[in-house]
Amino acid sequence: MKIYLTAIIKAKEEHRTQVLEVLQNMVKETRKEEASELYTLHQGVEDKNQFVFYEIWKSEEGFPQHNQQPYIQAFGALADEKLQGKPQIYLTNII
């Protein structure tokens, strides 16, 4: 079964550039993963500190492997210091 995920991330303004670089690297590397069907990054129009990922994963099995990748771990390492809060993660199904 496919996994549909939306993640909302808010960077602290003074760290926006660094957070964006990490997020863009995540996109570049994640698109190489076999289980990744779609992995897009969006930036807020009114709030440039807000980033939104929209992801589609081909299977439930591939998603946990994704979270163990070094580029995802690098994001986790900066989260407490450089983000306004914990990322909001939404798992959904198409209805």
N, C-alpha and C. Protein backbone atom coordinates (compact mmCIF):
# COMPACT_ATOMS: atom_id res chain seq x y z
N MET A 1 0.84 -1.18 0.00
CA MET A 1 0.00 0.00 0.00
C MET A 1 0.89 1.24 0.00
N LYS A 2 0.52 2.22 -0.78
CA LYS A 2 1.28 3.47 -0.84
C LYS A 2 1.09 4.29 0.42
N ILE A 3 2.07 5.12 0.71
CA ILE A 3 2.00 6.06 1.82
C ILE A 3 2.00 7.47 1.24
N TYR A 4 1.06 8.29 1.68
CA TYR A 4 0.97 9.69 1.28
C TYR A 4 1.27 10.52 2.52
N LEU A 5 2.25 11.39 2.43
CA LEU A 5 2.69 12.12 3.61
C LEU A 5 2.86 13.60 3.26
N THR A 6 2.41 14.44 4.17
CA THR A 6 2.65 15.88 4.08
C THR A 6 3.34 16.27 5.38
N ALA A 7 4.44 17.01 5.26
CA ALA A 7 5.18 17.48 6.43
C ALA A 7 5.32 18.99 6.34
N ILE A 8 5.02 19.67 7.44
CA ILE A 8 5.14 21.12 7.51
C ILE A 8 6.24 21.45 8.50
N ILE A 9 7.20 22.24 8.02
CA ILE A 9 8.39 22.58 8.79
C ILE A 9 8.51 24.09 8.83
N LYS A 10 8.76 24.64 10.01
CA LYS A 10 8.95 26.09 10.13
C LYS A 10 10.34 26.36 10.70
N ALA A 11 11.16 26.97 9.87
CA ALA A 11 12.52 27.33 10.29
C ALA A 11 12.49 28.62 11.09
N LYS A 12 13.42 28.74 12.01
CA LYS A 12 13.64 30.04 12.65
C LYS A 12 14.23 30.95 11.58
N GLU A 13 13.79 32.19 11.57
CA GLU A 13 14.18 33.10 10.49
C GLU A 13 15.70 33.19 10.31
N GLU A 14 16.43 33.24 11.41
CA GLU A 14 17.88 33.40 11.32
C GLU A 14 18.58 32.13 10.80
N HIS A 15 17.85 31.02 10.74
CA HIS A 15 18.42 29.75 10.26
C HIS A 15 17.79 29.27 8.96
N ARG A 16 16.91 30.09 8.36
CA ARG A 16 16.17 29.68 7.17
C ARG A 16 17.08 29.17 6.05
N THR A 17 18.15 29.88 5.75
CA THR A 17 19.03 29.49 4.65
C THR A 17 19.67 28.13 4.91
N GLN A 18 20.14 27.91 6.12
CA GLN A 18 20.78 26.63 6.45
C GLN A 18 19.75 25.50 6.40
N VAL A 19 18.57 25.73 6.93
CA VAL A 19 17.51 24.71 6.91
C VAL A 19 17.15 24.39 5.47
N LEU A 20 17.01 25.40 4.64
CA LEU A 20 16.66 25.19 3.23
C LEU A 20 17.71 24.34 2.53
N GLU A 21 18.97 24.58 2.80
CA GLU A 21 20.03 23.78 2.18
C GLU A 21 19.91 22.31 2.56
N VAL A 22 19.63 22.05 3.83
CA VAL A 22 19.48 20.67 4.30
C VAL A 22 18.26 20.03 3.64
N LEU A 23 17.16 20.77 3.57
CA LEU A 23 15.94 20.25 2.95
C LEU A 23 16.14 19.96 1.47
N GLN A 24 16.83 20.85 0.77
CA GLN A 24 17.08 20.63 -0.66
C GLN A 24 17.97 19.41 -0.88
N ASN A 25 18.91 19.16 0.01
CA ASN A 25 19.73 17.96 -0.09
C ASN A 25 18.88 16.72 0.16
N MET A 26 17.94 16.81 1.09
CA MET A 26 17.03 15.69 1.33
C MET A 26 16.26 15.34 0.06
N VAL A 27 15.80 16.36 -0.66
CA VAL A 27 15.06 16.13 -1.89
C VAL A 27 15.96 15.42 -2.91
N LYS A 28 17.15 15.95 -3.10
CA LYS A 28 18.09 15.39 -4.08
C LYS A 28 18.37 13.91 -3.79
N GLU A 29 18.65 13.60 -2.54
CA GLU A 29 19.01 12.23 -2.17
C GLU A 29 17.80 11.30 -2.11
N THR A 30 16.68 11.79 -1.60
CA THR A 30 15.49 10.95 -1.46
C THR A 30 14.95 10.52 -2.81
N ARG A 31 15.04 11.37 -3.80
CA ARG A 31 14.55 11.01 -5.13
C ARG A 31 15.31 9.83 -5.73
N LYS A 32 16.46 9.50 -5.18
CA LYS A 32 17.23 8.34 -5.63
C LYS A 32 16.75 7.04 -4.98
N GLU A 33 15.96 7.14 -3.93
CA GLU A 33 15.49 5.96 -3.22
C GLU A 33 14.45 5.22 -4.04
N GLU A 34 14.58 3.91 -4.07
CA GLU A 34 13.68 3.06 -4.85
C GLU A 34 12.21 3.23 -4.44
N ALA A 35 11.97 3.36 -3.16
CA ALA A 35 10.58 3.43 -2.65
C ALA A 35 9.93 4.79 -2.85
N SER A 36 10.71 5.81 -3.20
CA SER A 36 10.16 7.15 -3.36
C SER A 36 9.50 7.31 -4.73
N GLU A 37 8.22 7.61 -4.73
CA GLU A 37 7.50 7.86 -5.98
C GLU A 37 7.43 9.36 -6.28
N LEU A 38 7.23 10.15 -5.24
CA LEU A 38 7.16 11.61 -5.38
C LEU A 38 7.68 12.23 -4.09
N TYR A 39 8.53 13.23 -4.23
CA TYR A 39 9.09 13.90 -3.05
C TYR A 39 9.33 15.34 -3.45
N THR A 40 8.42 16.23 -3.06
CA THR A 40 8.52 17.63 -3.46
C THR A 40 8.60 18.53 -2.24
N LEU A 41 9.30 19.63 -2.41
CA LEU A 41 9.48 20.62 -1.35
C LEU A 41 8.88 21.94 -1.83
N HIS A 42 8.09 22.55 -0.98
CA HIS A 42 7.46 23.84 -1.28
C HIS A 42 7.86 24.83 -0.19
N GLN A 43 7.88 26.11 -0.56
CA GLN A 43 8.17 27.17 0.41
C GLN A 43 6.97 28.11 0.46
N GLY A 44 6.63 28.55 1.65
CA GLY A 44 5.49 29.44 1.82
C GLY A 44 5.66 30.74 1.06
N VAL A 45 4.57 31.25 0.52
CA VAL A 45 4.57 32.52 -0.19
C VAL A 45 4.54 33.67 0.81
N GLU A 46 3.64 33.57 1.78
CA GLU A 46 3.51 34.63 2.78
C GLU A 46 4.50 34.48 3.93
N ASP A 47 4.93 33.26 4.20
CA ASP A 47 5.87 32.99 5.28
C ASP A 47 7.03 32.18 4.69
N LYS A 48 8.11 32.83 4.36
CA LYS A 48 9.26 32.19 3.72
C LYS A 48 9.97 31.20 4.64
N ASN A 49 9.64 31.22 5.93
CA ASN A 49 10.23 30.28 6.89
C ASN A 49 9.48 28.95 6.91
N GLN A 50 8.36 28.87 6.21
CA GLN A 50 7.55 27.65 6.20
C GLN A 50 7.88 26.82 4.95
N PHE A 51 8.15 25.54 5.20
CA PHE A 51 8.44 24.59 4.13
C PHE A 51 7.47 23.43 4.25
N VAL A 52 7.02 22.94 3.10
CA VAL A 52 6.07 21.84 3.07
C VAL A 52 6.59 20.75 2.13
N PHE A 53 6.69 19.55 2.65
CA PHE A 53 7.02 18.39 1.83
C PHE A 53 5.72 17.68 1.47
N TYR A 54 5.61 17.26 0.23
CA TYR A 54 4.55 16.34 -0.17
C TYR A 54 5.24 15.11 -0.71
N GLU A 55 4.90 13.95 -0.14
CA GLU A 55 5.60 12.72 -0.46
C GLU A 55 4.62 11.61 -0.79
N ILE A 56 5.01 10.77 -1.75
CA ILE A 56 4.30 9.53 -2.03
C ILE A 56 5.34 8.43 -2.01
N TRP A 57 5.07 7.41 -1.21
CA TRP A 57 5.96 6.26 -1.08
C TRP A 57 5.28 5.05 -1.69
N LYS A 58 6.02 4.29 -2.48
CA LYS A 58 5.47 3.13 -3.18
C LYS A 58 5.00 2.03 -2.24
N SER A 59 5.63 1.95 -1.07
CA SER A 59 5.27 0.88 -0.14
C SER A 59 5.55 1.30 1.30
N GLU A 60 4.90 0.61 2.20
CA GLU A 60 5.13 0.86 3.62
C GLU A 60 6.54 0.42 4.03
N GLU A 61 7.08 -0.57 3.34
CA GLU A 61 8.40 -1.10 3.70
C GLU A 61 9.52 -0.09 3.43
N GLY A 62 9.40 0.68 2.37
CA GLY A 62 10.46 1.62 2.00
C GLY A 62 10.54 2.84 2.88
N PHE A 63 9.45 3.20 3.51
CA PHE A 63 9.42 4.43 4.30
C PHE A 63 10.32 4.36 5.54
N PRO A 64 10.29 3.29 6.33
CA PRO A 64 11.20 3.23 7.49
C PRO A 64 12.68 3.29 7.08
N GLN A 65 13.02 2.70 5.95
CA GLN A 65 14.40 2.77 5.46
C GLN A 65 14.80 4.21 5.16
N HIS A 66 13.87 4.97 4.63
CA HIS A 66 14.11 6.38 4.33
C HIS A 66 14.52 7.14 5.59
N ASN A 67 13.81 6.89 6.68
CA ASN A 67 14.08 7.62 7.92
C ASN A 67 15.43 7.29 8.54
N GLN A 68 16.06 6.23 8.09
CA GLN A 68 17.38 5.84 8.61
C GLN A 68 18.53 6.39 7.77
N GLN A 69 18.24 7.06 6.68
CA GLN A 69 19.29 7.57 5.79
C GLN A 69 20.04 8.73 6.46
N PRO A 70 21.34 8.89 6.16
CA PRO A 70 22.15 9.94 6.81
C PRO A 70 21.64 11.35 6.54
N TYR A 71 21.07 11.61 5.38
CA TYR A 71 20.56 12.95 5.08
C TYR A 71 19.29 13.26 5.86
N ILE A 72 18.54 12.25 6.24
CA ILE A 72 17.37 12.46 7.09
C ILE A 72 17.83 12.64 8.54
N GLN A 73 18.83 11.89 8.94
CA GLN A 73 19.40 12.03 10.28
C GLN A 73 20.01 13.44 10.45
N ALA A 74 20.62 13.97 9.40
CA ALA A 74 21.20 15.32 9.46
C ALA A 74 20.10 16.36 9.72
N PHE A 75 18.95 16.16 9.11
CA PHE A 75 17.82 17.06 9.37
C PHE A 75 17.40 16.96 10.83
N GLY A 76 17.29 15.75 11.34
CA GLY A 76 16.89 15.55 12.73
C GLY A 76 17.84 16.23 13.71
N ALA A 77 19.13 16.27 13.35
CA ALA A 77 20.13 16.88 14.23
C ALA A 77 19.95 18.38 14.37
N LEU A 78 19.41 19.03 13.36
CA LEU A 78 19.25 20.49 13.45
C LEU A 78 17.86 20.92 13.91
N ALA A 79 16.95 19.98 14.01
CA ALA A 79 15.55 20.32 14.29
C ALA A 79 15.35 21.12 15.57
N ASP A 80 15.92 20.68 16.67
CA ASP A 80 15.68 21.37 17.95
C ASP A 80 16.19 22.80 17.96
N GLU A 81 17.33 23.02 17.36
CA GLU A 81 17.97 24.33 17.41
C GLU A 81 17.50 25.29 16.33
N LYS A 82 17.18 24.79 15.16
CA LYS A 82 16.96 25.67 14.01
C LYS A 82 15.51 25.77 13.53
N LEU A 83 14.63 24.99 14.15
CA LEU A 83 13.21 25.04 13.76
C LEU A 83 12.40 25.73 14.85
N GLN A 84 11.25 26.29 14.46
CA GLN A 84 10.37 26.95 15.41
C GLN A 84 9.64 25.95 16.30
N GLY A 85 9.53 24.74 15.86
CA GLY A 85 8.86 23.70 16.63
C GLY A 85 9.04 22.37 15.92
N LYS A 86 8.41 21.37 16.46
CA LYS A 86 8.49 20.04 15.87
C LYS A 86 7.74 20.04 14.53
N PRO A 87 8.28 19.38 13.50
CA PRO A 87 7.56 19.29 12.22
C PRO A 87 6.20 18.63 12.41
N GLN A 88 5.23 19.12 11.67
CA GLN A 88 3.90 18.52 11.68
C GLN A 88 3.86 17.51 10.54
N ILE A 89 3.51 16.28 10.87
CA ILE A 89 3.50 15.19 9.89
C ILE A 89 2.07 14.68 9.75
N TYR A 90 1.60 14.58 8.51
CA TYR A 90 0.25 14.09 8.23
C TYR A 90 0.35 12.92 7.26
N LEU A 91 -0.09 11.74 7.71
CA LEU A 91 -0.21 10.58 6.84
C LEU A 91 -1.65 10.51 6.37
N THR A 92 -1.86 10.34 5.07
CA THR A 92 -3.22 10.36 4.53
C THR A 92 -3.40 9.25 3.51
N ASN A 93 -4.66 9.00 3.19
CA ASN A 93 -5.05 8.10 2.11
C ASN A 93 -5.85 8.89 1.10
N ILE A 94 -5.79 8.50 -0.15
CA ILE A 94 -6.64 9.10 -1.17
C ILE A 94 -8.04 8.52 -1.01
N ILE A 95 -9.04 9.39 -0.99
CA ILE A 95 -10.43 8.92 -0.86
C ILE A 95 -11.25 9.35 -2.05
